[in-house]
PDB file of N, CA and C in Angstrom:
ATOM      1  N   GLY A   1       0.872  -0.751  -0.111  1.00  0.00           N
ATOM      2  CA  GLY A   1      -0.023   0.334   0.572  1.00  0.00           C
ATOM      3  C   GLY A   1       0.984   1.281   0.303  1.00  0.00           C
ATOM      4  N   LEU A   2       0.080   3.091   0.283  1.00  0.00           N
ATOM      5  CA  LEU A   2       0.654   3.985   0.515  1.00  0.00           C
ATOM      6  C   LEU A   2       2.074   3.221   1.122  1.00  0.00           C
ATOM      7  N   VAL A   3       1.944   3.343   2.195  1.00  0.00           N
ATOM      8  CA  VAL A   3       2.739   3.261   3.641  1.00  0.00           C
ATOM      9  C   VAL A   3       3.705   2.617   3.149  1.00  0.00           C
ATOM     10  N   THR A   4       4.185   1.560   2.680  1.00  0.00           N
ATOM     11  CA  THR A   4       4.911   0.998   2.129  1.00  0.00           C
ATOM     12  C   THR A   4       5.377   1.913   1.098  1.00  0.00           C
ATOM     13  N   VAL A   5       5.129   1.917   0.232  1.00  0.00           N
ATOM     14  CA  VAL A   5       5.184   2.768  -0.496  1.00  0.00           C
ATOM     15  C   VAL A   5       6.921   4.029  -0.245  1.00  0.00           C
ATOM     16  N   LEU A   6       5.749   4.485   1.163  1.00  0.00           N
ATOM     17  CA  LEU A   6       6.617   6.431   1.440  1.00  0.00           C
ATOM     18  C   LEU A   6       7.607   5.991   2.427  1.00  0.00           C
ATOM     19  N   LEU A   7       8.380   4.863   3.024  1.00  0.00           N
ATOM     20  CA  LEU A   7       9.096   3.686   3.496  1.00  0.00           C
ATOM     21  C   LEU A   7       9.844   3.829   2.935  1.00  0.00           C
ATOM     22  N   ASP A   8       9.377   2.413   1.708  1.00  0.00           N
ATOM     23  CA  ASP A   8      10.295   2.804   0.778  1.00  0.00           C
ATOM     24  C   ASP A   8      11.340   4.119  -0.347  1.00  0.00           C
ATOM     25  N   PHE A   9      10.869   4.614   0.262  1.00  0.00           N
ATOM     26  CA  PHE A   9      10.735   6.213   0.166  1.00  0.00           C
ATOM     27  C   PHE A   9      11.688   6.574   0.312  1.00  0.00           C
ATOM     28  N   VAL A  10      11.705   6.536   2.326  1.00  0.00           N
ATOM     29  CA  VAL A  10      12.221   7.279   3.329  1.00  0.00           C
ATOM     30  C   VAL A  10      13.776   7.166   3.457  1.00  0.00           C
ATOM     31  N   ARG A  11      13.128   5.177   2.941  1.00  0.00           N
ATOM     32  CA  ARG A  11      14.608   4.770   3.729  1.00  0.00           C
ATOM     33  C   ARG A  11      15.887   5.065   2.836  1.00  0.00           C
ATOM     34  N   SER A  12      15.183   5.350   1.480  1.00  0.00           N
ATOM     35  CA  SER A  12      15.973   5.112   0.314  1.00  0.00           C
ATOM     36  C   SER A  12      16.620   6.291   0.324  1.00  0.00           C
ATOM     37  N   VAL A  13      16.299   7.655   0.653  1.00  0.00           N
ATOM     38  CA  VAL A  13      16.711   9.092   0.708  1.00  0.00           C
ATOM     39  C   VAL A  13      17.969   8.556   1.659  1.00  0.00           C
ATOM     40  N   ALA A  14      17.097   7.979   2.830  1.00  0.00           N
ATOM     41  CA  ALA A  14      18.349   8.437   3.982  1.00  0.00           C
ATOM     42  C   ALA A  14      19.503   8.320   3.701  1.00  0.00           C
ATOM     43  N   GLU A  15      19.675   6.922   2.712  1.00  0.00           N
ATOM     44  CA  GLU A  15      20.903   6.470   2.320  1.00  0.00           C
ATOM     45  C   GLU A  15      21.302   7.588   2.074  1.00  0.00           C
ATOM     46  N   GLN A  16      21.142   8.046   0.887  1.00  0.00           N
ATOM     47  CA  GLN A  16      22.105   9.422   0.515  1.00  0.00           C
ATOM     48  C   GLN A  16      21.872  10.257   1.305  1.00  0.00           C
ATOM     49  N   ALA A  17      20.848  10.115   1.372  1.00  0.00           N
ATOM     50  CA  ALA A  17      21.005  11.363   2.986  1.00  0.00           C
ATOM     51  C   ALA A  17      21.445  13.236   2.452  1.00  0.00           C
ATOM     52  N   THR A  18      21.597  13.677   1.123  1.00  0.00           N
ATOM     53  CA  THR A  18      21.897  14.686   1.320  1.00  0.00           C
ATOM     54  C   THR A  18      20.892  15.930   1.085  1.00  0.00           C
ATOM     55  N   THR A  19      21.843  17.026   1.092  1.00  0.00           N
ATOM     56  CA  THR A  19      20.157  18.427   2.023  1.00  0.00           C
ATOM     57  C   THR A  19      19.101  18.235   0.934  1.00  0.00           C
ATOM     58  N   SER A  20      18.901  18.403   0.041  1.00  0.00           N
ATOM     59  CA  SER A  20      17.982  18.455  -0.852  1.00  0.00           C
ATOM     60  C   SER A  20      17.067  17.130  -1.173  1.00  0.00           C
ATOM     61  N   ASP A  21      17.385  16.156  -0.269  1.00  0.00           N
ATOM     62  CA  ASP A  21      16.642  14.777  -0.015  1.00  0.00           C
ATOM     63  C   ASP A  21      16.131  14.874   1.380  1.00  0.00           C
ATOM     64  N   SER A  22      17.513  15.646   2.537  1.00  0.00           N
ATOM     65  CA  SER A  22      16.584  16.223   3.567  1.00  0.00           C
ATOM     66  C   SER A  22      15.289  16.818   3.569  1.00  0.00           C
ATOM     67  N   GLN A  23      14.564  17.324   2.497  1.00  0.00           N
ATOM     68  CA  GLN A  23      13.668  17.781   2.396  1.00  0.00           C
ATOM     69  C   GLN A  23      12.503  17.007   2.258  1.00  0.00           C
ATOM     70  N   VAL A  24      12.598  15.667   2.117  1.00  0.00           N
ATOM     71  CA  VAL A  24      11.489  14.494   1.714  1.00  0.00           C
ATOM     72  C   VAL A  24      11.274  13.844   2.812  1.00  0.00           C
ATOM     73  N   ILE A  25      11.396  14.340   4.482  1.00  0.00           N
ATOM     74  CA  ILE A  25      10.772  13.861   5.060  1.00  0.00           C
ATOM     75  C   ILE A  25       9.965  14.889   5.887  1.00  0.00           C
ATOM     76  N   GLY A  26      10.149  16.076   5.288  1.00  0.00           N
ATOM     77  CA  GLY A  26       9.062  17.252   5.655  1.00  0.00           C
ATOM     78  C   GLY A  26       8.163  16.586   4.504  1.00  0.00           C
ATOM     79  N   ASN A  27       8.317  16.565   3.456  1.00  0.00           N
ATOM     80  CA  ASN A  27       7.430  16.352   2.527  1.00  0.00           C
ATOM     81  C   ASN A  27       6.180  15.148   2.685  1.00  0.00           C
ATOM     82  N   VAL A  28       6.597  14.467   3.456  1.00  0.00           N
ATOM     83  CA  VAL A  28       6.283  13.307   3.957  1.00  0.00           C
ATOM     84  C   VAL A  28       5.511  13.099   5.364  1.00  0.00           C
ATOM     85  N   ALA A  29       6.502  13.833   5.879  1.00  0.00           N
ATOM     86  CA  ALA A  29       5.014  14.041   7.235  1.00  0.00           C
ATOM     87  C   ALA A  29       3.635  15.025   6.927  1.00  0.00           C
ATOM     88  N   ARG A  30       4.200  15.969   5.757  1.00  0.00           N
ATOM     89  CA  ARG A  30       2.614  16.757   5.326  1.00  0.00           C
ATOM     90  C   ARG A  30       1.698  16.148   4.491  1.00  0.00           C
ATOM     91  N   ALA A  31       2.684  15.203   3.614  1.00  0.00           N
ATOM     92  CA  ALA A  31       1.402  13.989   3.105  1.00  0.00           C
ATOM     93  C   ALA A  31       0.538  13.039   3.772  1.00  0.00           C
ATOM     94  N   CYS A  32       1.100  12.419   5.618  1.00  0.00           N
ATOM     95  CA  CYS A  32       0.388  11.843   5.824  1.00  0.00           C
ATOM     96  C   CYS A  32      -0.289  13.597   6.631  1.00  0.00           C
ATOM     97  N   MET A  33       0.032  14.601   7.401  1.00  0.00           N
ATOM     98  CA  MET A  33      -0.883  15.012   8.055  1.00  0.00           C
ATOM     99  C   MET A  33      -2.090  15.131   6.768  1.00  0.00           C
ATOM    100  N   ARG A  34      -1.694  15.311   5.933  1.00  0.00           N
ATOM    101  CA  ARG A  34      -3.033  15.272   4.949  1.00  0.00           C
ATOM    102  C   ARG A  34      -3.926  14.438   4.613  1.00  0.00           C
ATOM    103  N   LEU A  35      -3.423  12.851   4.521  1.00  0.00           N
ATOM    104  CA  LEU A  35      -4.071  11.865   4.245  1.00  0.00           C
ATOM    105  C   LEU A  35      -4.314  11.569   5.541  1.00  0.00           C
ATOM    106  N   ARG A  36      -3.966  12.010   6.562  1.00  0.00           N
ATOM    107  CA  ARG A  36      -4.271  11.644   8.024  1.00  0.00           C
ATOM    108  C   ARG A  36      -3.538  10.227   7.826  1.00  0.00           C
ATOM    109  N   LEU A  37      -2.679   9.580   7.359  1.00  0.00           N
ATOM    110  CA  LEU A  37      -1.880   8.745   7.750  1.00  0.00           C
ATOM    111  C   LEU A  37      -1.387   7.932   8.936  1.00  0.00           C
ATOM    112  N   LYS A  38      -1.280   7.147   9.553  1.00  0.00           N
ATOM    113  CA  LYS A  38      -0.803   6.696  10.409  1.00  0.00           C
ATOM    114  C   LYS A  38      -0.259   5.503  10.117  1.00  0.00           C
ATOM    115  N   SER A  39       1.663   4.955   9.921  1.00  0.00           N
ATOM    116  CA  SER A  39       2.071   3.660  10.219  1.00  0.00           C
ATOM    117  C   SER A  39       3.223   3.920  11.031  1.00  0.00           C
ATOM    118  N   PRO A  40       2.910   3.243  12.226  1.00  0.00           N
ATOM    119  CA  PRO A  40       3.798   2.973  13.554  1.00  0.00           C
ATOM    120  C   PRO A  40       5.432   2.600  13.034  1.00  0.00           C
ATOM    121  N   GLU A  41       5.039   1.443  11.580  1.00  0.00           N
ATOM    122  CA  GLU A  41       6.799   1.398  11.341  1.00  0.00           C
ATOM    123  C   GLU A  41       7.586   2.382  10.273  1.00  0.00           C
ATOM    124  N   LEU A  42       6.221   3.721  10.376  1.00  0.00           N
ATOM    125  CA  LEU A  42       7.295   5.431   9.346  1.00  0.00           C
ATOM    126  C   LEU A  42       7.296   5.969  10.065  1.00  0.00           C
ATOM    127  N   LEU A  43       6.949   6.497  11.679  1.00  0.00           N
ATOM    128  CA  LEU A  43       7.084   6.468  12.179  1.00  0.00           C
ATOM    129  C   LEU A  43       8.363   5.939  13.121  1.00  0.00           C
ATOM    130  N   THR A  44       8.426   5.320  12.694  1.00  0.00           N
ATOM    131  CA  THR A  44       9.973   4.526  13.619  1.00  0.00           C
ATOM    132  C   THR A  44      11.229   4.777  12.833  1.00  0.00           C
ATOM    133  N   CYS A  45      11.508   4.575  11.413  1.00  0.00           N
ATOM    134  CA  CYS A  45      11.883   4.443   9.837  1.00  0.00           C
ATOM    135  C   CYS A  45      11.944   5.392  10.659  1.00  0.00           C
ATOM    136  N   ILE A  46      11.309   6.677  10.911  1.00  0.00           N
ATOM    137  CA  ILE A  46      11.519   8.867  11.452  1.00  0.00           C
ATOM    138  C   ILE A  46      13.083   8.732  12.206  1.00  0.00           C
ATOM    139  N   SER A  47      11.876   7.799  13.271  1.00  0.00           N
ATOM    140  CA  SER A  47      13.371   8.337  14.673  1.00  0.00           C
ATOM    141  C   SER A  47      14.444   7.324  13.881  1.00  0.00           C
ATOM    142  N   GLN A  48      14.420   6.651  13.949  1.00  0.00           N
ATOM    143  CA  GLN A  48      15.986   5.930  13.633  1.00  0.00           C
ATOM    144  C   GLN A  48      16.620   6.784  12.806  1.00  0.00           C
ATOM    145  N   LEU A  49      15.747   7.628  11.665  1.00  0.00           N
ATOM    146  CA  LEU A  49      16.826   8.791  10.342  1.00  0.00           C
ATOM    147  C   LEU A  49      17.057   9.656  10.914  1.00  0.00           C
ATOM    148  N   LEU A  50      16.453  10.268  12.323  1.00  0.00           N
ATOM    149  CA  LEU A  50      16.798  11.291  12.653  1.00  0.00           C
ATOM    150  C   LEU A  50      17.779  12.052  13.153  1.00  0.00           C
ATOM    151  N   PRO A  51      18.556  11.399  13.992  1.00  0.00           N
ATOM    152  CA  PRO A  51      19.203  11.777  13.826  1.00  0.00           C
ATOM    153  C   PRO A  51      20.843  12.635  13.195  1.00  0.00           C
ATOM    154  N   GLY A  52      20.839  11.686  11.755  1.00  0.00           N
ATOM    155  CA  GLY A  52      21.851  11.504  11.147  1.00  0.00           C
ATOM    156  C   GLY A  52      20.612  13.775   9.837  1.00  0.00           C
ATOM    157  N   LEU A  53      19.442  13.287   9.736  1.00  0.00           N
ATOM    158  CA  LEU A  53      19.107  14.555   9.205  1.00  0.00           C
ATOM    159  C   LEU A  53      18.443  15.587   9.764  1.00  0.00           C
ATOM    160  N   LEU A  54      18.494  15.480  11.358  1.00  0.00           N
ATOM    161  CA  LEU A  54      17.773  16.893  11.664  1.00  0.00           C
ATOM    162  C   LEU A  54      19.193  18.713  11.404  1.00  0.00           C
ATOM    163  N   PRO A  55      20.116  17.560  10.886  1.00  0.00           N
ATOM    164  CA  PRO A  55      21.392  19.262  10.928  1.00  0.00           C
ATOM    165  C   PRO A  55      20.789  19.467   9.359  1.00  0.00           C
ATOM    166  N   GLN A  56      20.227  18.763   9.091  1.00  0.00           N
ATOM    167  CA  GLN A  56      19.862  19.459   6.544  1.00  0.00           C
ATOM    168  C   GLN A  56      18.830  19.455   6.752  1.00  0.00           C
ATOM    169  N   LEU A  57      17.332  19.412   8.041  1.00  0.00           N
ATOM    170  CA  LEU A  57      15.835  19.793   8.201  1.00  0.00           C
ATOM    171  C   LEU A  57      16.328  21.082   7.961  1.00  0.00           C
ATOM    172  N   THR A  58      15.035  22.222   6.977  1.00  0.00           N
ATOM    173  CA  THR A  58      14.801  23.476   7.535  1.00  0.00           C
ATOM    174  C   THR A  58      14.466  23.416   8.807  1.00  0.00           C
ATOM    175  N   ASP A  59      14.001  25.004   8.836  1.00  0.00           N
ATOM    176  CA  ASP A  59      12.596  25.003  10.360  1.00  0.00           C
ATOM    177  C   ASP A  59      11.919  24.237   9.556  1.00  0.00           C
ATOM    178  N   GLN A  60      11.227  24.578   8.462  1.00  0.00           N
ATOM    179  CA  GLN A  60       9.879  24.556   8.495  1.00  0.00           C
ATOM    180  C   GLN A  60       9.526  22.885   7.818  1.00  0.00           C
ATOM    181  N   ASP A  61      10.035  22.564   7.481  1.00  0.00           N
ATOM    182  CA  ASP A  61      10.245  20.755   7.501  1.00  0.00           C
ATOM    183  C   ASP A  61       9.974  19.813   8.925  1.00  0.00           C
ATOM    184  N   ILE A  62      11.739  20.559   9.970  1.00  0.00           N
ATOM    185  CA  ILE A  62      11.485  20.216  11.318  1.00  0.00           C
ATOM    186  C   ILE A  62       9.250  20.325  12.164  1.00  0.00           C
ATOM    187  N   GLY A  63       9.307  21.452  11.630  1.00  0.00           N
ATOM    188  CA  GLY A  63       8.162  21.853  11.884  1.00  0.00           C
ATOM    189  C   GLY A  63       6.941  21.268  11.717  1.00  0.00           C
ATOM    190  N   SER A  64       6.781  21.120  10.734  1.00  0.00           N
ATOM    191  CA  SER A  64       5.931  19.590   9.648  1.00  0.00           C
ATOM    192  C   SER A  64       6.548  18.341  10.445  1.00  0.00           C
ATOM    193  N   VAL A  65       7.866  17.713  10.805  1.00  0.00           N
ATOM    194  CA  VAL A  65       7.509  16.480  11.663  1.00  0.00           C
ATOM    195  C   VAL A  65       7.267  16.468  12.154  1.00  0.00           C
ATOM    196  N   ALA A  66       7.005  17.657  12.982  1.00  0.00           N
ATOM    197  CA  ALA A  66       7.142  17.355  14.657  1.00  0.00           C
ATOM    198  C   ALA A  66       5.447  17.621  15.093  1.00  0.00           C
ATOM    199  N   THR A  67       4.807  18.142  14.283  1.00  0.00           N
ATOM    200  CA  THR A  67       2.875  18.707  13.971  1.00  0.00           C
ATOM    201  C   THR A  67       2.711  17.616  13.460  1.00  0.00           C
ATOM    202  N   SER A  68       3.298  16.714  12.803  1.00  0.00           N
ATOM    203  CA  SER A  68       3.119  15.518  12.148  1.00  0.00           C
ATOM    204  C   SER A  68       3.094  13.872  13.271  1.00  0.00           C
ATOM    205  N   CYS A  69       3.393  14.637  13.664  1.00  0.00           N
ATOM    206  CA  CYS A  69       3.884  13.370  15.555  1.00  0.00           C
ATOM    207  C   CYS A  69       3.867  13.614  16.608  1.00  0.00           C
ATOM    208  N   ALA A  70       3.019  14.421  16.254  1.00  0.00           N
ATOM    209  CA  ALA A  70       2.529  14.854  17.681  1.00  0.00           C
ATOM    210  C   ALA A  70       0.778  14.874  17.433  1.00  0.00           C
ATOM    211  N   CYS A  71       0.711  15.441  16.276  1.00  0.00           N
ATOM    212  CA  CYS A  71      -1.097  15.250  15.593  1.00  0.00           C
ATOM    213  C   CYS A  71      -1.275  13.359  15.518  1.00  0.00           C
ATOM    214  N   LEU A  72      -0.347  12.900  15.538  1.00  0.00           N
ATOM    215  CA  LEU A  72      -0.504  11.689  14.379  1.00  0.00           C
ATOM    216  C   LEU A  72      -0.816  10.371  15.560  1.00  0.00           C
ATOM    217  N   TYR A  73       0.269  10.903  15.686  1.00  0.00           N
ATOM    218  CA  TYR A  73       0.607   9.700  16.939  1.00  0.00           C
ATOM    219  C   TYR A  73       0.375   9.967  18.381  1.00  0.00           C
ATOM    220  N   SER A  74       0.910   8.792  19.389  1.00  0.00           N
ATOM    221  CA  SER A  74       1.200   9.152  20.729  1.00  0.00           C
ATOM    222  C   SER A  74       2.256   7.929  21.043  1.00  0.00           C
ATOM    223  N   GLY A  75       2.243   8.598  22.290  1.00  0.00           N
ATOM    224  CA  GLY A  75       3.534   7.354  23.239  1.00  0.00           C
ATOM    225  C   GLY A  75       5.379   8.202  22.959  1.00  0.00           C
ATOM    226  N   PRO A  76       5.637   6.762  23.265  1.00  0.00           N
ATOM    227  CA  PRO A  76       7.050   7.332  23.912  1.00  0.00           C
ATOM    228  C   PRO A  76       7.605   7.735  22.153  1.00  0.00           C
ATOM    229  N   VAL A  77       7.938   7.074  21.319  1.00  0.00           N
ATOM    230  CA  VAL A  77       8.670   7.316  20.059  1.00  0.00           C
ATOM    231  C   VAL A  77       7.656   8.516  19.645  1.00  0.00           C
ATOM    232  N   SER A  78       6.929   8.666  19.844  1.00  0.00           N
ATOM    233  CA  SER A  78       6.806  10.481  18.670  1.00  0.00           C
ATOM    234  C   SER A  78       7.024  10.735  19.643  1.00  0.00           C
ATOM    235  N   ARG A  79       7.179  11.194  21.473  1.00  0.00           N
ATOM    236  CA  ARG A  79       7.720  12.277  22.122  1.00  0.00           C
ATOM    237  C   ARG A  79       8.955  12.490  21.970  1.00  0.00           C
ATOM    238  N   SER A  80       9.950  10.865  22.035  1.00  0.00           N
ATOM    239  CA  SER A  80      11.124  11.565  22.006  1.00  0.00           C
ATOM    240  C   SER A  80      11.529  12.132  20.836  1.00  0.00           C
ATOM    241  N   VAL A  81      10.815  12.241  19.076  1.00  0.00           N
ATOM    242  CA  VAL A  81      11.194  12.633  17.966  1.00  0.00           C
ATOM    243  C   VAL A  81      10.647  13.676  18.046  1.00  0.00           C
ATOM    244  N   VAL A  82       9.417  14.033  18.641  1.00  0.00           N
ATOM    245  CA  VAL A  82       9.039  16.174  18.884  1.00  0.00           C
ATOM    246  C   VAL A  82      10.451  16.460  19.942  1.00  0.00           C
ATOM    247  N   GLU A  83      10.508  15.495  20.779  1.00  0.00           N
ATOM    248  CA  GLU A  83      11.201  15.972  22.013  1.00  0.00           C
ATOM    249  C   GLU A  83      13.224  16.794  21.163  1.00  0.00           C
ATOM    250  N   ALA A  84      13.458  15.807  20.442  1.00  0.00           N
ATOM    251  CA  ALA A  84      15.010  15.897  19.891  1.00  0.00           C
ATOM    252  C   ALA A  84      13.964  17.143  18.234  1.00  0.00           C
ATOM    253  N   LEU A  85      13.405  16.890  17.683  1.00  0.00           N
ATOM    254  CA  LEU A  85      12.907  18.443  16.849  1.00  0.00           C
ATOM    255  C   LEU A  85      13.099  19.717  17.994  1.00  0.00           C
ATOM    256  N   GLY A  86      11.631  19.355  18.932  1.00  0.00           N
ATOM    257  CA  GLY A  86      11.936  20.728  19.809  1.00  0.00           C
ATOM    258  C   GLY A  86      13.684  21.207  19.931  1.00  0.00           C
ATOM    259  N   SER A  87      14.083  20.911  20.670  1.00  0.00           N
ATOM    260  CA  SER A  87      15.634  21.081  21.267  1.00  0.00           C
ATOM    261  C   SER A  87      16.626  21.551  19.884  1.00  0.00           C
ATOM    262  N   GLU A  88      16.610  20.369  18.442  1.00  0.00           N
ATOM    263  CA  GLU A  88      17.298  21.502  17.394  1.00  0.00           C
ATOM    264  C   GLU A  88      17.099  22.722  17.470  1.00  0.00           C
ATOM    265  N   LEU A  89      16.003  23.314  17.144  1.00  0.00           N
ATOM    266  CA  LEU A  89      15.117  24.289  17.034  1.00  0.00           C
ATOM    267  C   LEU A  89      15.643  25.041  17.942  1.00  0.00           C
ATOM    268  N   ALA A  90      15.559  24.284  19.160  1.00  0.00           N
ATOM    269  CA  ALA A  90      16.065  25.760  19.642  1.00  0.00           C
ATOM    270  C   ALA A  90      17.396  26.016  20.143  1.00  0.00           C
ATOM    271  N   ARG A  91      18.359  25.010  19.770  1.00  0.00           N
ATOM    272  CA  ARG A  91      20.128  24.647  19.611  1.00  0.00           C
ATOM    273  C   ARG A  91      19.774  26.525  18.477  1.00  0.00           C
ATOM    274  N   ARG A  92      18.830  25.721  17.353  1.00  0.00           N
ATOM    275  CA  ARG A  92      19.445  27.471  16.337  1.00  0.00           C
ATOM    276  C   ARG A  92      18.557  28.671  16.747  1.00  0.00           C
ATOM    277  N   GLY A  93      17.961  28.491  17.412  1.00  0.00           N
ATOM    278  CA  GLY A  93      17.905  29.767  17.896  1.00  0.00           C
ATOM    279  C   GLY A  93      18.473  30.756  18.903  1.00  0.00           C
ATOM    280  N   LEU A  94      19.189  29.486  20.029  1.00  0.00           N
ATOM    281  CA  LEU A  94      20.605  30.514  20.226  1.00  0.00           C
ATOM    282  C   LEU A  94      21.551  30.166  19.451  1.00  0.00           C
ATOM    283  N   ASP A  95      21.894  29.961  18.417  1.00  0.00           N
ATOM    284  CA  ASP A  95      23.576  30.416  17.428  1.00  0.00           C
ATOM    285  C   ASP A  95      23.173  30.963  16.765  1.00  0.00           C
ATOM    286  N   GLN A  96      21.560  31.594  16.189  1.00  0.00           N
ATOM    287  CA  GLN A  96      21.377  32.487  15.950  1.00  0.00           C
ATOM    288  C   GLN A  96      21.700  34.049  16.989  1.00  0.00           C
ATOM    289  N   VAL A  97      21.035  33.686  17.780  1.00  0.00           N
ATOM    290  CA  VAL A  97      21.412  34.836  18.965  1.00  0.00           C
ATOM    291  C   VAL A  97      22.181  34.728  19.341  1.00  0.00           C
ATOM    292  N   SER A  98      24.058  33.911  18.828  1.00  0.00           N
ATOM    293  CA  SER A  98      25.244  33.985  18.902  1.00  0.00           C
ATOM    294  C   SER A  98      25.642  35.327  18.221  1.00  0.00           C
ATOM    295  N   GLU A  99      24.645  34.845  17.475  1.00  0.00           N
ATOM    296  CA  GLU A  99      25.926  35.183  15.807  1.00  0.00           C
ATOM    297  C   GLU A  99      25.230  36.475  16.090  1.00  0.00           C
ATOM    298  N   GLN A 100      24.342  37.287  16.137  1.00  0.00           N
ATOM    299  CA  GLN A 100      24.629  38.531  15.983  1.00  0.00           C
ATOM    300  C   GLN A 100      25.787  39.501  16.818  1.00  0.00           C
TER     301      GLN A 100
END
Protein backbone atom coordinates (compact mmCIF):
# COMPACT_ATOMS: atom_id res chain seq x y z
CA GLY A 1 0.00 0.00 0.00
CA LEU A 2 0.85 3.67 0.22
CA VAL A 3 2.62 3.30 3.54
CA THR A 4 5.02 0.77 2.04
CA VAL A 5 5.79 3.12 -0.82
CA LEU A 6 6.45 5.99 1.59
CA LEU A 7 8.62 3.78 3.79
CA ASP A 8 10.76 2.63 0.87
CA PHE A 9 10.99 6.22 -0.30
CA VAL A 10 12.12 7.52 3.09
CA ARG A 11 14.63 4.70 3.54
CA SER A 12 16.19 5.15 0.11
CA VAL A 13 16.48 8.87 0.69
CA ALA A 14 18.05 8.37 4.08
CA GLU A 15 20.79 6.25 2.61
CA GLN A 16 21.82 9.10 0.31
CA ALA A 17 21.00 11.84 2.82
CA THR A 18 21.97 14.92 0.86
CA THR A 19 20.55 18.30 1.72
CA SER A 20 17.86 18.30 -0.97
CA ASP A 21 16.83 14.78 0.03
CA SER A 22 16.40 15.78 3.64
CA GLN A 23 13.38 17.86 2.60
CA VAL A 24 11.67 14.61 1.67
CA ILE A 25 11.12 13.85 5.35
CA GLY A 26 9.21 17.10 5.69
CA ASN A 27 7.22 16.37 2.56
CA VAL A 28 6.36 12.88 3.76
CA ALA A 29 5.28 14.32 7.11
CA ARG A 30 3.04 16.86 5.37
CA ALA A 31 1.55 14.16 3.15
CA CYS A 32 0.81 11.98 6.17
CA MET A 33 -0.94 14.90 7.84
CA ARG A 34 -3.10 15.58 4.79
CA LEU A 35 -4.01 11.93 4.34
CA ARG A 36 -4.28 11.24 8.08
CA LEU A 37 -1.90 8.41 7.38
CA LYS A 38 -0.72 6.61 10.50
CA SER A 39 2.07 4.10 10.30
CA PRO A 40 4.06 2.92 13.31
CA GLU A 41 6.74 1.66 10.90
CA LEU A 42 7.05 5.07 9.33
CA LEU A 43 7.32 6.73 12.73
CA THR A 44 10.02 4.26 13.78
CA CYS A 45 11.84 4.81 10.50
CA ILE A 46 11.76 8.59 10.94
CA SER A 47 12.93 8.33 14.54
CA GLN A 48 15.91 6.21 13.49
CA LEU A 49 16.85 8.54 10.63
CA LEU A 50 16.33 11.73 12.54
CA PRO A 51 19.74 12.12 14.19
CA GLY A 52 21.47 12.04 10.81
CA LEU A 53 18.94 14.27 9.09
CA LEU A 54 18.37 16.91 11.78
CA PRO A 55 21.24 19.22 10.79
CA GLN A 56 19.98 19.32 7.19
CA LEU A 57 16.29 19.83 7.90
CA THR A 58 14.86 23.31 7.41
CA ASP A 59 12.96 24.90 10.28
CA GLN A 60 9.78 24.37 8.24
CA ASP A 61 10.48 20.66 7.77
CA ILE A 62 11.22 20.28 11.47
CA GLY A 63 7.88 21.93 12.20
CA SER A 64 6.07 19.63 9.78
CA VAL A 65 7.59 16.46 11.19
CA ALA A 66 6.95 17.57 14.77
CA THR A 67 3.35 18.51 14.01
CA SER A 68 2.59 15.28 12.19
CA CYS A 69 4.13 13.18 14.96
CA ALA A 70 2.27 15.08 17.66
CA CYS A 71 -1.06 14.95 15.81
CA LEU A 72 -0.97 11.44 14.39
CA TYR A 73 0.80 9.45 17.07
CA SER A 74 0.95 9.17 20.80
CA GLY A 75 3.50 7.27 22.81
CA PRO A 76 7.20 7.33 23.68
CA VAL A 77 8.61 7.15 20.14
CA SER A 78 6.53 10.09 18.96
CA ARG A 79 7.39 12.05 22.11
CA SER A 80 11.10 11.47 21.70
CA VAL A 81 10.94 12.56 18.05
CA VAL A 82 9.07 15.74 18.97
CA GLU A 83 11.54 16.44 21.79
CA ALA A 84 14.53 15.93 19.50
CA LEU A 85 13.02 18.29 16.94
CA GLY A 86 12.20 20.85 19.61
CA SER A 87 15.70 20.85 21.04
CA GLU A 88 17.20 21.22 17.55
CA LEU A 89 15.03 24.28 16.92
CA ALA A 90 15.97 25.70 20.32
CA ARG A 91 19.65 25.15 19.57
CA ARG A 92 19.29 26.96 16.25
CA GLY A 93 17.57 29.85 17.98
CA LEU A 94 20.50 30.12 20.38
CA ASP A 95 22.98 29.92 17.50
CA GLN A 96 21.27 32.80 15.73
CA VAL A 97 21.27 34.90 18.87
CA SER A 98 24.96 34.32 19.51
CA GLU A 99 25.89 35.10 15.90
CA GLN A 100 24.43 38.60 16.02
